[in-house]
């Protein structure tokens, strides 16, 4: 019984640190209607989620998104093919 306990304890000590670290999602504000309207809203506007911050203006060309603080990310975005300026 003691041997089984020691084996389980050793396995836990070695397996728990090997577990992958949690991955956090990026918080982004994207204004998809910017190509058809007056541009993105102000940084104080929280939208449906209530999170204020930098708004990405997705126009008619592909670009990389910025996070809520305006820092560049590695997340690309491509506007839909039906998006056009009026």
Foldseek 3Di string as FASTA:
>chain_A
DVVVVVVVVVCCVVVVVVDDDDDDDAAAAEDLCQQADVHDDAQCDCPPVHHGADYDTAHQAKDFGAGRPRHTDPHIDHHDPPGHHD
